[in-house]
Each structure stands twice: as structure tokens, then as C-alpha cells.
Protein backbone atom coordinates (compact mmCIF):
# COMPACT_ATOMS: atom_id res chain seq x y z
CA MET A 1 -53.65 107.09 3.29
CA ASN A 2 -54.36 105.22 0.06
CA SER A 3 -51.28 103.04 -0.50
CA ALA A 4 -52.08 102.71 -4.23
CA ILE A 5 -51.56 106.47 -4.68
CA THR A 6 -48.01 106.12 -3.37
CA SER A 7 -46.91 102.61 -4.34
CA TYR A 8 -48.18 102.30 -7.93
CA PRO A 9 -46.42 105.33 -9.43
CA PHE A 10 -43.25 104.66 -7.43
CA VAL A 11 -42.99 100.98 -8.39
CA ILE A 12 -43.92 101.48 -12.05
CA SER A 13 -41.48 104.35 -12.46
CA LEU A 14 -38.76 102.43 -10.59
CA ILE A 15 -39.11 99.43 -12.90
CA ILE A 16 -39.02 101.57 -16.04
CA SER A 17 -35.99 103.45 -14.73
CA LEU A 18 -34.17 100.19 -13.90
CA LEU A 19 -34.85 98.94 -17.43
CA ALA A 20 -34.19 102.20 -19.30
CA THR A 21 -31.00 103.33 -17.55
CA PRO A 22 -28.83 100.37 -18.71
CA VAL A 23 -30.03 101.02 -22.27
CA VAL A 24 -29.01 104.68 -21.96
CA ILE A 25 -25.62 103.64 -20.54
CA TRP A 26 -25.03 101.16 -23.37
CA THR A 27 -26.18 103.58 -26.08
CA PHE A 28 -24.12 106.53 -24.89
CA THR A 29 -21.05 104.34 -24.36
CA LYS A 30 -21.43 102.62 -27.74
CA LEU A 31 -21.64 106.00 -29.47
CA GLY A 32 -18.63 107.30 -27.55
CA LEU A 33 -20.73 109.90 -25.76
CA VAL A 34 -18.81 109.69 -22.51
CA VAL A 35 -17.18 112.26 -20.28
CA ASP A 36 -13.44 111.65 -20.15
CA PRO A 37 -11.94 113.89 -17.43
CA LYS A 38 -8.54 113.66 -19.11
CA LYS A 39 -9.86 115.08 -22.38
CA THR A 40 -12.44 117.54 -21.02
CA PRO A 41 -11.31 118.75 -17.59
CA HIS A 42 -14.00 120.57 -15.62
CA PRO A 43 -14.44 121.45 -11.92
CA ALA A 44 -17.56 119.26 -11.81
CA HIS A 45 -15.71 116.21 -13.18
CA ILE A 46 -13.95 114.47 -10.30
CA HIS A 47 -14.23 110.94 -11.68
CA LYS A 48 -11.13 109.20 -13.05
CA THR A 49 -12.47 107.07 -15.92
CA PRO A 50 -14.83 107.88 -18.83
CA VAL A 51 -18.49 107.78 -17.78
CA PRO A 52 -21.62 108.59 -19.84
CA LYS A 53 -24.08 111.25 -18.79
CA GLY A 54 -27.65 111.47 -20.13
CA GLY A 55 -29.53 110.28 -17.05
CA GLY A 56 -32.35 112.66 -17.91
CA VAL A 57 -33.43 110.37 -20.74
CA SER A 58 -34.26 107.46 -18.45
CA ILE A 59 -35.80 109.78 -15.85
CA PHE A 60 -38.08 111.37 -18.45
CA LEU A 61 -39.15 107.99 -19.83
CA ALA A 62 -39.84 106.59 -16.37
CA VAL A 63 -41.79 109.59 -15.05
CA PHE A 64 -43.95 110.37 -18.05
CA SER A 65 -44.59 106.77 -19.06
CA THR A 66 -45.88 106.24 -15.53
CA LEU A 67 -48.07 109.34 -15.70
CA ALA A 68 -49.42 108.28 -19.11
CA PHE A 69 -50.30 104.86 -17.69
CA LEU A 70 -51.99 106.14 -14.54
CA MET A 71 -53.49 109.52 -15.45
CA ASP A 72 -55.41 111.52 -18.01
CA PHE A 73 -53.37 114.47 -19.24
CA ASP A 74 -54.92 117.86 -18.49
CA ARG A 75 -53.55 121.21 -19.72
CA HIS A 76 -51.23 121.47 -16.73
CA LEU A 77 -49.69 118.06 -17.31
CA VAL A 78 -49.36 118.71 -21.05
CA ALA A 79 -47.45 121.92 -20.29
CA ILE A 80 -45.26 120.14 -17.73
CA SER A 81 -44.52 117.39 -20.25
CA MET A 82 -43.58 119.92 -22.95
CA ALA A 83 -41.32 121.84 -20.57
CA ALA A 84 -39.72 118.61 -19.34
CA ALA A 85 -39.07 117.40 -22.90
CA PHE A 86 -37.54 120.76 -23.78
CA ILE A 87 -35.27 120.62 -20.74
CA VAL A 88 -34.19 117.03 -21.36
CA ILE A 89 -33.35 117.67 -25.03
CA ALA A 90 -31.29 120.74 -24.12
CA GLY A 91 -29.77 118.86 -21.19
CA VAL A 92 -28.66 115.95 -23.36
CA VAL A 93 -27.02 118.41 -25.76
CA ASP A 94 -25.18 119.89 -22.79
CA ASP A 95 -24.26 116.42 -21.50
CA ILE A 96 -22.75 115.53 -24.88
CA ARG A 97 -21.25 118.74 -26.21
CA GLY A 98 -21.34 121.23 -23.36
CA MET A 99 -23.31 124.45 -23.44
CA ASN A 100 -22.65 128.03 -22.41
CA PRO A 101 -24.10 128.41 -18.88
CA TYR A 102 -25.89 131.62 -19.86
CA LEU A 103 -27.65 129.74 -22.66
CA ARG A 104 -28.58 127.00 -20.20
CA LEU A 105 -30.03 129.63 -17.87
CA LEU A 106 -32.08 131.11 -20.72
CA ILE A 107 -33.40 127.63 -21.53
CA ASN A 108 -34.38 127.21 -17.88
CA PHE A 109 -36.50 130.36 -18.03
CA LEU A 110 -38.09 129.37 -21.34
CA ALA A 111 -39.04 125.94 -19.97
CA VAL A 112 -40.50 127.44 -16.82
CA GLY A 113 -42.35 129.95 -18.98
CA ILE A 114 -44.17 127.04 -20.65
CA VAL A 115 -45.29 125.81 -17.22
CA VAL A 116 -46.33 129.24 -15.98
CA SER A 117 -48.28 130.00 -19.16
CA SER A 118 -50.51 126.99 -18.42
CA GLY A 119 -51.68 128.66 -15.21
CA ILE A 120 -49.28 127.08 -12.71
CA GLY A 121 -48.10 129.73 -10.29
CA ILE A 122 -47.61 130.44 -6.60
CA SER A 123 -50.65 132.43 -5.53
CA PHE A 124 -49.54 132.59 -1.90
CA VAL A 125 -46.79 131.53 0.47
CA SER A 126 -47.10 130.85 4.17
CA ASN A 127 -45.99 133.67 6.44
CA PRO A 128 -43.71 132.19 9.14
CA PHE A 129 -45.14 134.70 11.61
CA GLY A 130 -48.76 133.85 10.87
CA GLY A 131 -51.19 133.99 7.98
CA ILE A 132 -50.15 134.02 4.33
CA ILE A 133 -48.41 136.33 1.89
CA ASP A 134 -50.79 136.94 -1.01
CA LEU A 135 -49.14 136.89 -4.44
CA SER A 136 -52.36 136.89 -6.48
CA GLN A 137 -52.36 140.68 -6.94
CA PRO A 138 -51.80 142.67 -9.09
CA ARG A 139 -53.34 141.04 -12.16
CA ILE A 140 -53.20 141.96 -15.82
CA VAL A 141 -56.43 141.03 -17.62
CA PHE A 142 -56.68 140.87 -21.41
CA ASP A 143 -58.59 139.19 -24.24
CA LEU A 144 -56.80 136.96 -26.73
CA PHE A 145 -58.48 135.00 -29.54
CA GLY A 146 -61.86 135.68 -27.97
CA LYS A 147 -60.87 134.33 -24.55
CA ASN A 148 -60.24 136.18 -21.32
CA HIS A 149 -56.75 135.73 -19.83
CA GLU A 150 -55.11 136.85 -16.60
CA ILE A 151 -51.48 137.32 -15.66
CA TRP A 152 -50.86 137.16 -11.92
CA VAL A 153 -47.76 139.32 -11.90
CA LEU A 154 -46.18 138.44 -8.54
CA ALA A 155 -47.25 134.79 -8.62
CA ASP A 156 -45.81 134.25 -12.09
CA LEU A 157 -42.60 136.15 -11.33
CA PHE A 158 -42.13 134.10 -8.17
CA ALA A 159 -42.47 130.84 -10.12
CA LEU A 160 -40.16 132.13 -12.86
CA LEU A 161 -37.46 132.68 -10.23
CA TRP A 162 -38.20 129.85 -7.81
CA ILE A 163 -38.06 126.93 -10.26
CA PRO A 164 -34.80 127.93 -12.05
CA ILE A 165 -33.16 128.39 -8.64
CA LEU A 166 -34.10 124.80 -7.79
CA MET A 167 -32.90 123.56 -11.17
CA ASN A 168 -29.48 125.10 -10.70
CA ALA A 169 -29.13 124.33 -6.99
CA ILE A 170 -29.76 120.65 -7.66
CA ASN A 171 -27.37 120.63 -10.60
CA TRP A 172 -24.63 122.26 -8.55
CA SER A 173 -24.93 119.54 -5.89
CA SER A 174 -24.45 116.73 -8.39
CA GLY A 175 -20.85 116.28 -7.40
CA VAL A 176 -20.06 112.72 -6.37
CA ASP A 177 -21.41 109.28 -7.18
CA GLY A 178 -24.96 108.82 -5.93
CA GLN A 179 -25.11 112.18 -4.17
CA ILE A 180 -27.90 114.03 -5.93
CA SER A 181 -29.88 111.02 -7.17
CA GLY A 182 -30.51 109.94 -3.59
CA VAL A 183 -31.27 113.50 -2.48
CA VAL A 184 -33.90 113.92 -5.21
CA THR A 185 -35.46 110.55 -4.37
CA ILE A 186 -35.87 111.50 -0.71
CA SER A 187 -37.09 115.01 -1.55
CA ALA A 188 -39.71 113.71 -3.97
CA ILE A 189 -40.99 111.19 -1.42
CA THR A 190 -41.25 113.97 1.17
CA LEU A 191 -43.21 116.20 -1.20
CA GLY A 192 -45.43 113.27 -2.14
CA LEU A 193 -46.31 112.64 1.49
CA ILE A 194 -46.87 116.35 2.08
CA SER A 195 -49.17 116.69 -0.93
CA LEU A 196 -51.10 113.57 0.03
CA THR A 197 -51.59 114.77 3.58
CA TYR A 198 -52.02 118.51 3.30
CA SER A 199 -53.12 119.34 -0.24
CA ALA A 200 -56.40 121.21 -0.40
CA ASP A 201 -58.01 118.66 -2.73
CA ILE A 202 -55.76 115.94 -4.13
CA THR A 203 -58.60 114.63 -6.29
CA GLN A 204 -58.38 117.72 -8.51
CA TRP A 205 -54.85 117.02 -9.68
CA PRO A 206 -53.03 114.02 -8.18
CA VAL A 207 -49.74 115.71 -7.38
CA THR A 208 -48.67 112.66 -5.40
CA THR A 209 -48.57 110.61 -8.59
CA LEU A 210 -46.01 112.98 -10.10
CA ALA A 211 -44.01 113.13 -6.87
CA PHE A 212 -43.78 109.38 -6.38
CA ALA A 213 -43.15 108.77 -10.08
CA LEU A 214 -40.19 111.16 -9.81
CA ALA A 215 -39.00 109.38 -6.66
CA GLY A 216 -39.19 105.98 -8.34
CA ALA A 217 -37.32 107.19 -11.42
CA PHE A 218 -34.44 108.61 -9.38
CA ALA A 219 -34.37 105.58 -7.09
CA GLY A 220 -33.77 103.48 -10.19
CA LEU A 221 -31.07 105.87 -11.41
CA THR A 222 -29.39 105.74 -7.97
CA VAL A 223 -28.70 102.02 -8.46
CA PHE A 224 -26.42 102.88 -11.37
CA HIS A 225 -25.19 106.25 -10.06
CA PHE A 226 -23.98 105.14 -6.64
CA TYR A 227 -20.25 104.49 -6.26
CA PRO A 228 -18.72 103.29 -8.49
CA GLN A 229 -21.00 105.14 -10.89
CA LYS A 230 -21.86 103.68 -14.26
CA ILE A 231 -23.73 106.83 -15.36
CA MET A 232 -23.87 110.45 -14.26
CA PRO A 233 -27.28 112.15 -14.10
CA GLY A 234 -25.94 115.04 -16.14
CA TYR A 235 -27.61 118.37 -16.62
CA SER A 236 -30.53 116.62 -18.32
CA ALA A 237 -31.50 114.79 -15.12
CA THR A 238 -30.65 117.44 -12.52
CA SER A 239 -32.44 120.27 -14.33
CA LEU A 240 -35.45 118.00 -14.91
CA ALA A 241 -35.48 117.16 -11.20
CA GLY A 242 -35.45 120.85 -10.28
CA LEU A 243 -38.25 121.61 -12.73
CA LEU A 244 -40.52 118.84 -11.44
CA LEU A 245 -39.78 119.41 -7.75
CA GLY A 246 -40.54 123.11 -8.26
CA VAL A 247 -43.82 122.32 -10.01
CA ILE A 248 -44.79 119.83 -7.29
CA SER A 249 -44.06 122.36 -4.56
CA ILE A 250 -46.44 124.79 -6.27
CA LEU A 251 -49.22 122.31 -6.98
CA ALA A 252 -49.05 120.80 -3.50
CA THR A 253 -50.69 123.91 -2.05
CA ALA A 254 -47.57 126.04 -2.38
CA LYS A 255 -45.23 123.96 -0.22
CA VAL A 256 -42.27 126.20 -0.95
CA GLY A 257 -41.17 126.13 2.70
CA THR A 258 -41.05 122.33 2.60
CA VAL A 259 -38.66 122.36 -0.35
CA LEU A 260 -36.54 125.05 1.27
CA VAL A 261 -36.07 122.74 4.24
CA VAL A 262 -35.70 119.33 2.59
CA LEU A 263 -33.27 120.74 -0.02
CA GLY A 264 -31.70 123.02 2.54
CA VAL A 265 -28.12 121.85 2.01
CA PRO A 266 -28.07 122.21 -1.82
CA LEU A 267 -29.93 125.54 -1.63
CA ILE A 268 -27.63 127.02 1.02
CA ASP A 269 -24.59 125.78 -0.88
CA PHE A 270 -26.04 127.40 -4.01
CA GLY A 271 -26.79 130.72 -2.27
CA TYR A 272 -23.39 130.84 -0.57
CA LEU A 273 -21.52 130.30 -3.84
CA VAL A 274 -23.59 132.82 -5.78
CA VAL A 275 -22.83 135.51 -3.18
CA LYS A 276 -19.17 134.47 -2.89
CA ARG A 277 -18.60 134.54 -6.65
CA ILE A 278 -20.31 137.93 -7.05
CA ILE A 279 -18.28 139.43 -4.19
CA SER A 280 -15.12 138.01 -5.77
CA GLY A 281 -16.01 139.68 -9.07
CA LYS A 282 -16.73 136.37 -10.81
CA SER A 283 -19.78 135.29 -12.76
CA PRO A 284 -22.07 133.19 -10.54
CA VAL A 285 -22.86 130.75 -13.35
CA TRP A 286 -19.32 129.49 -13.99
CA GLY A 287 -18.33 126.40 -12.02
CA ASP A 288 -15.48 125.97 -9.54
CA LYS A 289 -14.36 123.58 -6.82
CA GLU A 290 -15.82 125.49 -3.87
CA HIS A 291 -18.96 123.40 -3.34
CA LEU A 292 -19.60 121.65 -0.04
CA HIS A 293 -18.84 118.24 -1.55
CA HIS A 294 -15.50 119.57 -2.81
CA LYS A 295 -14.65 120.77 0.70
CA LEU A 296 -15.56 117.39 2.15
CA LEU A 297 -13.40 115.66 -0.46
CA SER A 298 -10.48 117.91 0.42
CA MET A 299 -10.89 116.83 4.05
CA GLY A 300 -10.45 113.21 3.07
CA TRP A 301 -14.07 112.09 2.90
CA GLY A 302 -14.78 109.33 0.40
CA LYS A 303 -17.47 109.53 -2.28
CA ARG A 304 -19.71 106.95 -0.58
CA ARG A 305 -19.47 108.82 2.72
CA ILE A 306 -20.37 112.15 1.12
CA ALA A 307 -23.36 110.68 -0.71
CA LEU A 308 -24.65 108.94 2.42
CA PHE A 309 -24.13 112.16 4.42
CA TYR A 310 -26.27 114.10 1.93
CA TRP A 311 -28.93 111.38 2.00
CA LEU A 312 -29.05 111.30 5.80
CA VAL A 313 -29.28 115.08 6.18
CA THR A 314 -31.97 115.26 3.49
CA ALA A 315 -33.97 112.50 5.18
CA LEU A 316 -33.76 114.22 8.57
CA LEU A 317 -34.78 117.53 7.04
CA GLY A 318 -37.60 115.73 5.22
CA VAL A 319 -38.98 114.46 8.51
CA ALA A 320 -38.72 117.98 9.94
CA ALA A 321 -40.47 119.42 6.88
CA VAL A 322 -43.39 117.02 7.35
CA LYS A 323 -43.70 117.51 11.10
CA PHE A 324 -43.16 121.25 11.63
CA GLU A 325 -45.10 124.38 10.73
CA ALA A 326 -43.87 127.42 8.77
CA ARG A 327 -42.24 129.24 11.70
CA SER A 328 -40.26 126.17 12.75
CA LYS A 329 -39.15 125.68 9.14
CA LEU A 330 -37.82 129.25 9.12
CA PHE A 331 -35.80 128.56 12.28
CA ILE A 332 -34.48 125.34 10.74
CA MET A 333 -33.30 127.24 7.66
CA ILE A 334 -31.64 129.90 9.83
CA GLY A 335 -29.95 127.14 11.79
CA LEU A 336 -28.71 125.49 8.60
CA VAL A 337 -27.28 128.79 7.34
CA ILE A 338 -25.46 129.31 10.64
CA LEU A 339 -24.10 125.74 10.57
CA MET A 340 -22.92 126.23 6.99
CA LEU A 341 -21.13 129.46 7.87
CA VAL A 342 -19.52 127.83 10.92
CA PHE A 343 -18.38 124.91 8.77
CA VAL A 344 -16.90 127.23 6.13
CA LEU A 345 -15.01 129.22 8.77
CA TRP A 346 -13.79 126.03 10.44
CA GLN A 347 -12.74 124.57 7.09
CA TYR A 348 -10.72 127.67 6.21
CA SER A 349 -9.11 127.51 9.66
CA TRP A 350 -8.36 123.80 9.18
CA HIS A 351 -6.69 124.40 5.81
CA TYR A 352 -4.70 127.35 7.20
CA SER A 353 -3.47 125.27 10.14
CA ARG A 354 -2.57 122.41 7.80
CA ARG A 355 -0.57 124.70 5.48
CA SER A 356 1.17 126.26 8.46
CA ALA A 357 2.12 122.86 9.80
CA GLN A 358 3.48 121.80 6.41
CA GLY A 359 5.44 125.04 6.13
CA ASN A 360 6.97 124.60 9.58
CA GLY A 361 7.82 121.00 8.71
């Protein structure tokens, strides 16, 4: 393994993030662009004192400054940069003023559309029971401005769904100080190692550079996000993380299964809440206090403990994602779903018993 491929982008991005994040904190605070839970109550805001958001600004600067320093930009990287800039700008607007969640979802799809239009798509996924599932057919072929173009219908549709799911799942798990910044750091390192080890030809497009640049950027943000937080990542950082992790999972020889495992807890939490809200007749895009971190808080867990729990589980799942093949990853995901359901049932039982005891008292 070439250590330069992993260490250079990580260290450069980490340094830029450590330098840029305090500037973002100072700027947002100086301009009064802080989230005061007393003035703007929201289920996602569980902090007590005003804190700025806007972490996506420092993440964007760290990641793409590193890429500009280490790489030549091809059409894929140009498209990724454009989509990332679009997401960060929209995310900062949301961090400052708030945005209708349906509009945010539309922006997600538009940003991913920029990436997909550059030719980035999932042409196949591993079949847990052997072989692959081919997504390269059917294709729509047409001429435009004298050039031949192809639309891989299933591959592009898969990417258009897969990446926004990641963007929202990561955002929904940004609950307590340090929680999601550490999770993204570990996930990006895992994907970097996977792409370095298993990619078909890493010399064609150094996916590891993007992965470790993302890891370094979020590692720097974690320093300021961990309890007591001085900045929140905000939608700008979490949606950017989902976009880039989704792109990396596609470019690293379609390592969708790896991301499903390493981000298993946020993704299962996301899926559970979407189903629960729909069954309850609610819109799945409107926030509430039913996330896993909210349940852990209600049980008396502290913010540090919750963040470290998420980090530990993500690290363990990252090791499993690197070591195991597709079928084992499927069993891991099934096991995680079962554990989540058992926890939810136990938690409801615990709350019921607690209320009963208080009523009898």
C-alpha cells in the first residue's frame, strides 16, 4: 500500500480544516448567524446555547483545496465539484435561514443529477448469493451537438436514489455533539482503504484521494464539533458528506454494500423512521424526536457517550466491511435490523414500565 496515497490527502485536508473551521465559527458568530434553540426551537436542536452551523464551508474548502493541490481535474471531478458547491451553497442558506425540506430534497436530486450527467453511475452491484446484478441495461442512445450519448437507465436511476438517501440518512444522524463528524471520518477512511485495495484500477481515477481528503476534513471538524461543540456541521456539511460518500462508493468499483454496512446505524435509523412516519400518516421529511440518539438521550445517555457509541459501532462495522464478502455483509445488515427492532421494542417497554411505576407511585 502506498502510504502517500493515504497520508498526503488526509493530512493536507486535516490541516486546512483545522485552519478554516475557526474562521467559519468566528465569521458566523460575528454576523449573528447562530442557532439559538430558545428563538428557533426544532426537534434537531438539543443544544442549550447559541451555536453557529455552516460546517460545510470548511469541509468544502478542505476537500477541494486538497484535490486541487494533488490532482488534475477530469470531467468527473469537475462535475463532483460543481455538485458539491451547489449543495454547500444551498446548505448554508438552510443553516442560516431554514429551508422547506421538500425544496432541500429537490436540491439533492438536482445536485446528484449533475454528477450522474458526467457519466458517474452504478453499472452493477454485487449479488449476495453470487455473481453480480447488471444495471447497465437498458440504454437510451442519442446524438446531441454532433456527439453520441448514452443513458444507462437503471444505473442512473439507482445513483439518483442511492446518493440522496445517503445525504438524508447522514443528516438525520447529526444529533449530538461530535456524533456524525466522527462517523463520516471513519466511513471515509473505510471507503478509502476499500478503494485502494479492491478498486479495479486506482490509477484511472484516484478515488482514495477523495476518500482520505473527506476523512481529513471531517476529522478536523470533529475537533470543534465534539462536546462541548463550538460549531454544528449543519445541512451544508452532512449533505456534502452524503454526496461524496455516495460518489466514492460508486467510483470504488460499486462498493454500495460496504457503505450499507459501515453506515448501517444511520441508514437503519433513516429507514425505520421513514416507514414509521408514513404508517403514522406523517410526511417522512419532517423532523421529530424519534431518532436513535433521541432515544438514547431519553434513557439518560450523555452526548459524549452517544457520540463515542456511534464511532465505535461505525469502526467495528468498517472492519467488517473490509474483511467480509457480499453475503456476509447482507447477514450483518439483517442482524443490525433485528437488533434495531429489538432495541425499539425494549425501549418502548422500558418507557411503559417507567410510566407505570411513576403512576403507581
